[in-house]
Amino acid sequence: MRADEIRSLADAELVARLAALEEERFRLRFRGATEALEQPLRLRSIRRDIARLKTVQRERQLAAGR
């Protein structure tokens, strides 16, 4: 996901996407502890997407507070 794609999402979509990525990250971490992952770099991309989503969320919080 790119930052401009994330900024075009509504707040509810942002929260839903964040929850889905957190769930996927949990499942991958759990599976990675028990067996080898087919795409180990997927964890990195999920982690970065979560960071981007949280950054946009925080930007919106700060913009609304002013």
N, C-alpha and C. Protein backbone atom coordinates (compact mmCIF):
# COMPACT_ATOMS: atom_id res chain seq x y z
N MET A 1 0.83 -1.18 0.00
CA MET A 1 0.00 0.00 0.00
C MET A 1 0.87 1.24 0.00
N ARG A 2 0.44 2.21 -0.75
CA ARG A 2 1.16 3.47 -0.76
C ARG A 2 0.43 4.47 0.12
N ALA A 3 1.15 5.49 0.56
CA ALA A 3 0.58 6.46 1.48
C ALA A 3 -0.58 7.22 0.85
N ASP A 4 -0.50 7.54 -0.43
CA ASP A 4 -1.60 8.27 -1.06
C ASP A 4 -2.86 7.41 -1.16
N GLU A 5 -2.69 6.10 -1.32
CA GLU A 5 -3.85 5.19 -1.31
C GLU A 5 -4.48 5.17 0.08
N ILE A 6 -3.66 5.18 1.10
CA ILE A 6 -4.16 5.14 2.47
C ILE A 6 -4.89 6.44 2.80
N ARG A 7 -4.35 7.56 2.36
CA ARG A 7 -4.98 8.85 2.65
C ARG A 7 -6.33 8.99 1.97
N SER A 8 -6.56 8.26 0.90
CA SER A 8 -7.85 8.34 0.21
C SER A 8 -8.93 7.51 0.90
N LEU A 9 -8.56 6.69 1.87
CA LEU A 9 -9.53 5.86 2.58
C LEU A 9 -10.30 6.68 3.60
N ALA A 10 -11.53 6.28 3.87
CA ALA A 10 -12.31 6.89 4.93
C ALA A 10 -11.81 6.37 6.28
N ASP A 11 -12.20 7.05 7.34
CA ASP A 11 -11.74 6.65 8.67
C ASP A 11 -12.15 5.23 9.03
N ALA A 12 -13.38 4.85 8.71
CA ALA A 12 -13.86 3.50 9.03
C ALA A 12 -13.08 2.45 8.23
N GLU A 13 -12.80 2.75 6.97
CA GLU A 13 -12.01 1.82 6.16
C GLU A 13 -10.60 1.68 6.71
N LEU A 14 -10.05 2.78 7.18
CA LEU A 14 -8.71 2.79 7.76
C LEU A 14 -8.64 1.87 8.97
N VAL A 15 -9.63 1.98 9.84
CA VAL A 15 -9.67 1.15 11.05
C VAL A 15 -9.86 -0.32 10.68
N ALA A 16 -10.72 -0.58 9.70
CA ALA A 16 -10.96 -1.97 9.28
C ALA A 16 -9.71 -2.58 8.66
N ARG A 17 -9.04 -1.82 7.82
CA ARG A 17 -7.82 -2.31 7.18
C ARG A 17 -6.73 -2.57 8.22
N LEU A 18 -6.64 -1.68 9.22
CA LEU A 18 -5.66 -1.85 10.28
C LEU A 18 -5.93 -3.12 11.08
N ALA A 19 -7.18 -3.36 11.40
CA ALA A 19 -7.55 -4.57 12.16
C ALA A 19 -7.24 -5.83 11.35
N ALA A 20 -7.52 -5.78 10.05
CA ALA A 20 -7.25 -6.95 9.21
C ALA A 20 -5.76 -7.24 9.12
N LEU A 21 -4.95 -6.20 9.00
CA LEU A 21 -3.50 -6.40 8.92
C LEU A 21 -2.92 -6.89 10.25
N GLU A 22 -3.45 -6.37 11.36
CA GLU A 22 -3.00 -6.85 12.67
C GLU A 22 -3.31 -8.34 12.82
N GLU A 23 -4.49 -8.73 12.39
CA GLU A 23 -4.89 -10.14 12.46
C GLU A 23 -3.98 -11.01 11.59
N GLU A 24 -3.70 -10.55 10.37
CA GLU A 24 -2.84 -11.30 9.47
C GLU A 24 -1.42 -11.41 10.03
N ARG A 25 -0.94 -10.32 10.62
CA ARG A 25 0.39 -10.34 11.22
C ARG A 25 0.46 -11.34 12.36
N PHE A 26 -0.57 -11.38 13.19
CA PHE A 26 -0.62 -12.34 14.29
C PHE A 26 -0.58 -13.77 13.77
N ARG A 27 -1.38 -14.05 12.76
CA ARG A 27 -1.43 -15.41 12.21
C ARG A 27 -0.09 -15.82 11.59
N LEU A 28 0.54 -14.88 10.88
CA LEU A 28 1.83 -15.19 10.27
C LEU A 28 2.91 -15.41 11.33
N ARG A 29 2.91 -14.59 12.37
CA ARG A 29 3.90 -14.77 13.43
C ARG A 29 3.70 -16.12 14.12
N PHE A 30 2.45 -16.47 14.37
CA PHE A 30 2.15 -17.74 15.02
C PHE A 30 2.58 -18.91 14.15
N ARG A 31 2.25 -18.83 12.86
CA ARG A 31 2.62 -19.92 11.95
C ARG A 31 4.13 -19.97 11.76
N GLY A 32 4.78 -18.82 11.75
CA GLY A 32 6.23 -18.77 11.58
C GLY A 32 6.98 -19.38 12.75
N ALA A 33 6.35 -19.39 13.91
CA ALA A 33 6.99 -20.00 15.08
C ALA A 33 6.95 -21.52 15.02
N THR A 34 6.00 -22.05 14.28
CA THR A 34 5.86 -23.50 14.24
C THR A 34 6.37 -24.14 12.95
N GLU A 35 6.42 -23.36 11.87
CA GLU A 35 6.88 -23.92 10.59
C GLU A 35 7.50 -22.80 9.76
N ALA A 36 8.15 -23.18 8.70
CA ALA A 36 8.77 -22.19 7.81
C ALA A 36 7.68 -21.53 6.96
N LEU A 37 7.80 -20.22 6.80
CA LEU A 37 6.83 -19.48 6.01
C LEU A 37 7.19 -19.53 4.53
N GLU A 38 6.18 -19.53 3.68
CA GLU A 38 6.43 -19.51 2.24
C GLU A 38 6.97 -18.16 1.80
N GLN A 39 6.42 -17.09 2.38
CA GLN A 39 6.84 -15.73 2.06
C GLN A 39 7.24 -15.01 3.34
N PRO A 40 8.45 -15.20 3.80
CA PRO A 40 8.85 -14.57 5.07
C PRO A 40 8.91 -13.03 4.99
N LEU A 41 9.08 -12.48 3.80
CA LEU A 41 9.12 -11.02 3.67
C LEU A 41 7.74 -10.39 3.77
N ARG A 42 6.71 -11.22 3.73
CA ARG A 42 5.34 -10.70 3.90
C ARG A 42 5.16 -10.06 5.26
N LEU A 43 5.83 -10.60 6.28
CA LEU A 43 5.77 -9.99 7.62
C LEU A 43 6.28 -8.56 7.59
N ARG A 44 7.36 -8.33 6.88
CA ARG A 44 7.93 -6.99 6.80
C ARG A 44 6.97 -6.02 6.12
N SER A 45 6.37 -6.46 5.02
CA SER A 45 5.46 -5.57 4.31
C SER A 45 4.20 -5.28 5.13
N ILE A 46 3.72 -6.27 5.87
CA ILE A 46 2.57 -6.05 6.74
C ILE A 46 2.91 -5.06 7.84
N ARG A 47 4.07 -5.24 8.44
CA ARG A 47 4.49 -4.34 9.51
C ARG A 47 4.60 -2.89 9.01
N ARG A 48 5.12 -2.72 7.82
CA ARG A 48 5.26 -1.38 7.26
C ARG A 48 3.91 -0.78 6.88
N ASP A 49 3.01 -1.61 6.37
CA ASP A 49 1.67 -1.12 6.05
C ASP A 49 0.94 -0.68 7.32
N ILE A 50 1.11 -1.44 8.41
CA ILE A 50 0.50 -1.06 9.68
C ILE A 50 1.06 0.28 10.14
N ALA A 51 2.35 0.48 10.00
CA ALA A 51 2.96 1.74 10.40
C ALA A 51 2.42 2.90 9.56
N ARG A 52 2.25 2.67 8.26
CA ARG A 52 1.70 3.72 7.40
C ARG A 52 0.26 4.07 7.80
N LEU A 53 -0.54 3.04 8.09
CA LEU A 53 -1.92 3.28 8.51
C LEU A 53 -1.97 4.06 9.81
N LYS A 54 -1.14 3.70 10.76
CA LYS A 54 -1.13 4.40 12.04
C LYS A 54 -0.63 5.83 11.89
N THR A 55 0.29 6.05 10.97
CA THR A 55 0.79 7.40 10.72
C THR A 55 -0.31 8.29 10.17
N VAL A 56 -1.07 7.78 9.21
CA VAL A 56 -2.17 8.56 8.63
C VAL A 56 -3.26 8.80 9.68
N GLN A 57 -3.52 7.80 10.52
CA GLN A 57 -4.49 7.97 11.60
C GLN A 57 -4.05 9.11 12.52
N ARG A 58 -2.79 9.13 12.88
CA ARG A 58 -2.27 10.15 13.77
C ARG A 58 -2.30 11.53 13.11
N GLU A 59 -2.00 11.59 11.83
CA GLU A 59 -2.08 12.86 11.11
C GLU A 59 -3.50 13.42 11.17
N ARG A 60 -4.47 12.55 10.99
CA ARG A 60 -5.87 12.99 11.03
C ARG A 60 -6.27 13.44 12.43
N GLN A 61 -5.77 12.74 13.45
CA GLN A 61 -6.07 13.14 14.82
C GLN A 61 -5.51 14.53 15.11
N LEU A 62 -4.29 14.77 14.69
CA LEU A 62 -3.66 16.06 14.92
C LEU A 62 -4.35 17.17 14.14
N ALA A 63 -4.78 16.86 12.91
CA ALA A 63 -5.46 17.86 12.09
C ALA A 63 -6.84 18.20 12.67
N ALA A 64 -7.51 17.23 13.26
CA ALA A 64 -8.82 17.47 13.85
C ALA A 64 -8.70 18.24 15.16
N GLY A 65 -7.59 18.10 15.84
CA GLY A 65 -7.39 18.77 17.12
C GLY A 65 -7.08 20.25 16.99
N ARG A 66 -6.70 20.68 15.82
CA ARG A 66 -6.33 22.09 15.65
C ARG A 66 -7.52 22.96 15.39
